[in-house]
Every structure is written in structure tokens, then in C-alpha cells.
N, C-alpha and C. Protein backbone atom coordinates (compact mmCIF):
# COMPACT_ATOMS: atom_id res chain seq x y z
N MET A 1 27.06 -53.07 -1.69
CA MET A 1 28.50 -53.02 -1.59
C MET A 1 28.93 -51.57 -1.40
N ASN A 2 29.76 -51.32 -0.40
CA ASN A 2 30.31 -49.99 -0.20
C ASN A 2 31.61 -49.90 -0.98
N LEU A 3 31.58 -49.17 -2.09
CA LEU A 3 32.73 -49.07 -2.99
C LEU A 3 33.95 -48.49 -2.28
N LEU A 4 33.76 -47.52 -1.39
CA LEU A 4 34.91 -46.92 -0.69
C LEU A 4 35.59 -47.93 0.22
N ASN A 5 34.84 -48.83 0.86
CA ASN A 5 35.45 -49.85 1.72
C ASN A 5 36.20 -50.88 0.89
N VAL A 6 35.66 -51.28 -0.23
CA VAL A 6 36.28 -52.29 -1.07
C VAL A 6 37.57 -51.76 -1.68
N LEU A 7 37.54 -50.54 -2.19
CA LEU A 7 38.70 -49.97 -2.86
C LEU A 7 39.60 -49.17 -1.92
N ASN A 8 39.11 -48.88 -0.71
CA ASN A 8 39.85 -48.07 0.25
C ASN A 8 40.27 -46.74 -0.36
N ILE A 9 39.33 -46.09 -1.06
CA ILE A 9 39.61 -44.83 -1.74
C ILE A 9 38.58 -43.79 -1.29
N SER A 10 39.06 -42.62 -1.00
CA SER A 10 38.19 -41.49 -0.75
C SER A 10 38.80 -40.32 -1.50
N GLN A 11 38.04 -39.72 -2.39
CA GLN A 11 38.59 -38.67 -3.24
C GLN A 11 37.54 -37.61 -3.51
N VAL A 12 37.94 -36.35 -3.42
CA VAL A 12 37.05 -35.26 -3.76
C VAL A 12 37.03 -35.13 -5.27
N LEU A 13 35.84 -35.22 -5.88
CA LEU A 13 35.71 -35.09 -7.32
C LEU A 13 35.56 -33.64 -7.73
N GLY A 14 35.04 -32.82 -6.85
CA GLY A 14 34.89 -31.41 -7.17
C GLY A 14 34.06 -30.70 -6.13
N THR A 15 34.11 -29.38 -6.18
CA THR A 15 33.27 -28.56 -5.32
C THR A 15 32.66 -27.45 -6.17
N THR A 16 31.50 -26.97 -5.76
CA THR A 16 30.86 -25.89 -6.47
C THR A 16 29.87 -25.19 -5.55
N THR A 17 29.45 -24.03 -5.92
CA THR A 17 28.42 -23.29 -5.21
C THR A 17 27.16 -23.32 -6.07
N VAL A 18 26.04 -23.68 -5.47
CA VAL A 18 24.76 -23.75 -6.19
C VAL A 18 23.72 -22.93 -5.43
N PRO A 19 22.70 -22.47 -6.12
CA PRO A 19 21.63 -21.72 -5.45
C PRO A 19 20.86 -22.62 -4.47
N ALA A 20 20.27 -22.00 -3.46
CA ALA A 20 19.43 -22.75 -2.52
C ALA A 20 18.31 -23.42 -3.31
N GLY A 21 17.92 -24.61 -2.88
CA GLY A 21 16.84 -25.34 -3.54
C GLY A 21 16.98 -26.83 -3.33
N LYS A 22 16.06 -27.57 -3.93
CA LYS A 22 16.07 -29.03 -3.83
C LYS A 22 16.67 -29.61 -5.10
N TYR A 23 17.57 -30.58 -4.95
CA TYR A 23 18.26 -31.18 -6.08
C TYR A 23 17.99 -32.68 -6.10
N SER A 24 17.71 -33.21 -7.29
CA SER A 24 17.40 -34.64 -7.43
C SER A 24 18.39 -35.38 -8.32
N GLU A 25 19.36 -34.64 -8.88
CA GLU A 25 20.37 -35.30 -9.70
C GLU A 25 21.63 -34.44 -9.77
N ILE A 26 22.74 -35.10 -10.09
CA ILE A 26 24.01 -34.43 -10.33
C ILE A 26 24.46 -34.85 -11.71
N ARG A 27 24.99 -33.91 -12.47
CA ARG A 27 25.50 -34.24 -13.80
C ARG A 27 27.01 -34.03 -13.84
N PHE A 28 27.70 -35.04 -14.35
CA PHE A 28 29.14 -34.97 -14.54
C PHE A 28 29.41 -34.85 -16.03
N PHE A 29 30.17 -33.86 -16.42
CA PHE A 29 30.54 -33.71 -17.83
C PHE A 29 31.89 -34.38 -18.04
N LEU A 30 31.88 -35.47 -18.80
CA LEU A 30 33.07 -36.29 -19.00
C LEU A 30 33.67 -36.04 -20.37
N TYR A 31 34.97 -35.82 -20.40
CA TYR A 31 35.64 -35.59 -21.68
C TYR A 31 36.59 -36.72 -22.03
N GLN A 32 37.03 -37.46 -21.03
CA GLN A 32 37.85 -38.64 -21.27
C GLN A 32 37.53 -39.65 -20.18
N THR A 33 37.25 -40.87 -20.58
CA THR A 33 36.92 -41.92 -19.62
C THR A 33 37.85 -43.10 -19.85
N ILE A 34 38.49 -43.56 -18.78
CA ILE A 34 39.37 -44.72 -18.86
C ILE A 34 38.96 -45.68 -17.76
N ILE A 35 38.76 -46.93 -18.12
CA ILE A 35 38.43 -47.97 -17.15
C ILE A 35 39.67 -48.83 -16.98
N THR A 36 40.04 -49.13 -15.74
CA THR A 36 41.21 -49.96 -15.48
C THR A 36 40.74 -51.32 -14.99
N ILE A 37 41.13 -52.36 -15.73
CA ILE A 37 40.80 -53.74 -15.37
C ILE A 37 42.10 -54.53 -15.34
N ASN A 38 42.40 -55.12 -14.18
CA ASN A 38 43.63 -55.89 -14.01
C ASN A 38 44.85 -55.11 -14.48
N ALA A 39 44.94 -53.84 -14.07
CA ALA A 39 46.06 -52.95 -14.37
C ALA A 39 46.17 -52.58 -15.84
N VAL A 40 45.14 -52.83 -16.63
CA VAL A 40 45.12 -52.46 -18.04
C VAL A 40 44.12 -51.32 -18.22
N ASN A 41 44.59 -50.19 -18.76
CA ASN A 41 43.72 -49.04 -19.02
C ASN A 41 43.01 -49.20 -20.35
N ILE A 42 41.70 -49.05 -20.34
CA ILE A 42 40.88 -49.21 -21.54
C ILE A 42 40.08 -47.93 -21.74
N PRO A 43 40.28 -47.22 -22.87
CA PRO A 43 39.45 -46.04 -23.16
C PRO A 43 37.99 -46.45 -23.33
N TYR A 44 37.08 -45.62 -22.82
CA TYR A 44 35.65 -45.94 -22.88
C TYR A 44 34.89 -44.67 -23.25
N THR A 45 33.88 -44.81 -24.07
CA THR A 45 33.07 -43.67 -24.48
C THR A 45 31.71 -43.73 -23.79
N VAL A 46 31.36 -42.64 -23.11
CA VAL A 46 30.05 -42.51 -22.49
C VAL A 46 29.25 -41.60 -23.42
N PRO A 47 28.23 -42.13 -24.11
CA PRO A 47 27.48 -41.34 -25.10
C PRO A 47 26.95 -40.03 -24.51
N SER A 48 27.17 -38.95 -25.20
CA SER A 48 26.68 -37.60 -24.87
C SER A 48 27.20 -37.04 -23.55
N ALA A 49 28.16 -37.68 -22.92
CA ALA A 49 28.62 -37.23 -21.61
C ALA A 49 29.32 -35.87 -21.65
N SER A 50 29.89 -35.51 -22.78
CA SER A 50 30.54 -34.20 -22.85
C SER A 50 29.55 -33.10 -23.25
N GLN A 51 28.36 -33.48 -23.78
CA GLN A 51 27.36 -32.48 -24.16
C GLN A 51 26.30 -32.29 -23.08
N THR A 52 25.66 -33.37 -22.65
CA THR A 52 24.56 -33.26 -21.69
C THR A 52 24.92 -33.78 -20.30
N GLY A 53 26.08 -34.39 -20.18
CA GLY A 53 26.54 -34.88 -18.89
C GLY A 53 26.07 -36.30 -18.59
N PHE A 54 26.80 -36.93 -17.70
CA PHE A 54 26.46 -38.25 -17.18
C PHE A 54 25.62 -38.00 -15.94
N LYS A 55 24.34 -38.37 -15.99
CA LYS A 55 23.39 -38.04 -14.93
C LYS A 55 23.41 -39.10 -13.83
N VAL A 56 23.54 -38.63 -12.58
CA VAL A 56 23.46 -39.50 -11.41
C VAL A 56 22.24 -39.06 -10.62
N VAL A 57 21.25 -39.93 -10.53
CA VAL A 57 20.02 -39.62 -9.80
C VAL A 57 20.28 -39.79 -8.31
N ILE A 58 19.84 -38.83 -7.51
CA ILE A 58 19.98 -38.88 -6.06
C ILE A 58 18.73 -39.54 -5.49
N THR A 59 18.89 -40.72 -4.92
CA THR A 59 17.76 -41.47 -4.38
C THR A 59 17.32 -40.89 -3.04
N GLY A 60 16.19 -41.35 -2.56
CA GLY A 60 15.69 -40.90 -1.26
C GLY A 60 15.12 -39.50 -1.28
N GLY A 61 14.73 -39.02 -2.44
CA GLY A 61 14.11 -37.70 -2.52
C GLY A 61 15.07 -36.55 -2.77
N GLY A 62 16.32 -36.85 -3.07
CA GLY A 62 17.28 -35.79 -3.37
C GLY A 62 17.83 -35.16 -2.11
N PHE A 63 18.35 -33.94 -2.25
CA PHE A 63 18.86 -33.22 -1.08
C PHE A 63 18.50 -31.75 -1.20
N GLN A 64 18.43 -31.10 -0.06
CA GLN A 64 18.02 -29.70 0.03
C GLN A 64 19.25 -28.85 0.35
N VAL A 65 19.44 -27.77 -0.40
CA VAL A 65 20.49 -26.79 -0.10
C VAL A 65 19.80 -25.56 0.47
N ILE A 66 20.22 -25.17 1.66
CA ILE A 66 19.66 -24.00 2.33
C ILE A 66 20.67 -22.87 2.21
N GLY A 67 20.21 -21.68 1.85
CA GLY A 67 21.09 -20.54 1.64
C GLY A 67 22.07 -20.31 2.78
N GLY A 68 23.33 -20.10 2.45
CA GLY A 68 24.36 -19.82 3.44
C GLY A 68 24.96 -21.04 4.10
N LEU A 69 24.42 -22.23 3.85
CA LEU A 69 24.94 -23.46 4.44
C LEU A 69 25.57 -24.33 3.36
N SER A 70 26.37 -25.29 3.77
CA SER A 70 26.98 -26.19 2.79
C SER A 70 26.42 -27.60 2.95
N VAL A 71 26.48 -28.37 1.88
CA VAL A 71 26.01 -29.75 1.85
C VAL A 71 27.13 -30.60 1.26
N THR A 72 27.37 -31.74 1.85
CA THR A 72 28.34 -32.69 1.31
C THR A 72 27.57 -33.86 0.71
N VAL A 73 27.90 -34.21 -0.52
CA VAL A 73 27.26 -35.35 -1.20
C VAL A 73 28.32 -36.41 -1.43
N MET A 74 28.06 -37.63 -0.96
CA MET A 74 29.00 -38.74 -1.15
C MET A 74 28.39 -39.73 -2.13
N LEU A 75 29.13 -40.07 -3.16
CA LEU A 75 28.67 -41.06 -4.13
C LEU A 75 29.21 -42.42 -3.73
N ASP A 76 28.39 -43.43 -3.87
CA ASP A 76 28.78 -44.79 -3.52
C ASP A 76 28.12 -45.73 -4.52
N SER A 77 28.59 -46.93 -4.56
CA SER A 77 28.06 -47.93 -5.47
C SER A 77 27.20 -48.91 -4.71
N ILE A 78 26.00 -49.19 -5.24
CA ILE A 78 25.13 -50.19 -4.64
C ILE A 78 24.88 -51.24 -5.72
N GLN A 79 25.20 -52.46 -5.40
CA GLN A 79 25.01 -53.55 -6.35
C GLN A 79 23.65 -54.17 -6.15
N GLU A 80 22.82 -54.12 -7.19
CA GLU A 80 21.49 -54.72 -7.08
C GLU A 80 21.56 -56.20 -7.41
N GLN A 81 20.81 -56.97 -6.70
CA GLN A 81 20.79 -58.44 -6.90
C GLN A 81 19.72 -58.80 -7.90
């Protein structure tokens, strides 16, 4: 499932500069999490997300950052059967 097509949402979550190298995960540090279901906001706690971050593994071997160039990473949802 392509989450952006279903929700028709495209949003920049953030930008940063990182050293050249190979990356296999991205960590998001969450301080407040709210899930919206049927227009109802529900507070949710992600354990340790504000201390160690919510880890997103980059499949397919990760991505390579080459010095002086930029890389765009798009997050999407894949539903496993």
C-alpha cells in the first residue's frame, strides 16, 4: 500500500546534513505522539522514543551519501500480508 496515495499527503518531516557514508537506519526522536482515528485524537506513548529514538530500518541495503551531494529519503508504508 502506498500511504501517500491513500492519504494524498506529502510532507517534509525534516532536513539535516550528515557526513558522507552508508546509512542503514533513520532515528526519529518523538516527544509527543497523537494518533487520529475517525477524527478522534488519541495520545500514544512510544517506549524510549525520546531517549533512543524510533528506529526506521532502510531496506534494500540502506543508502549512500557522497560528499557534496544531497540525498532525498521518502518514507512509505508497506502492508505485509
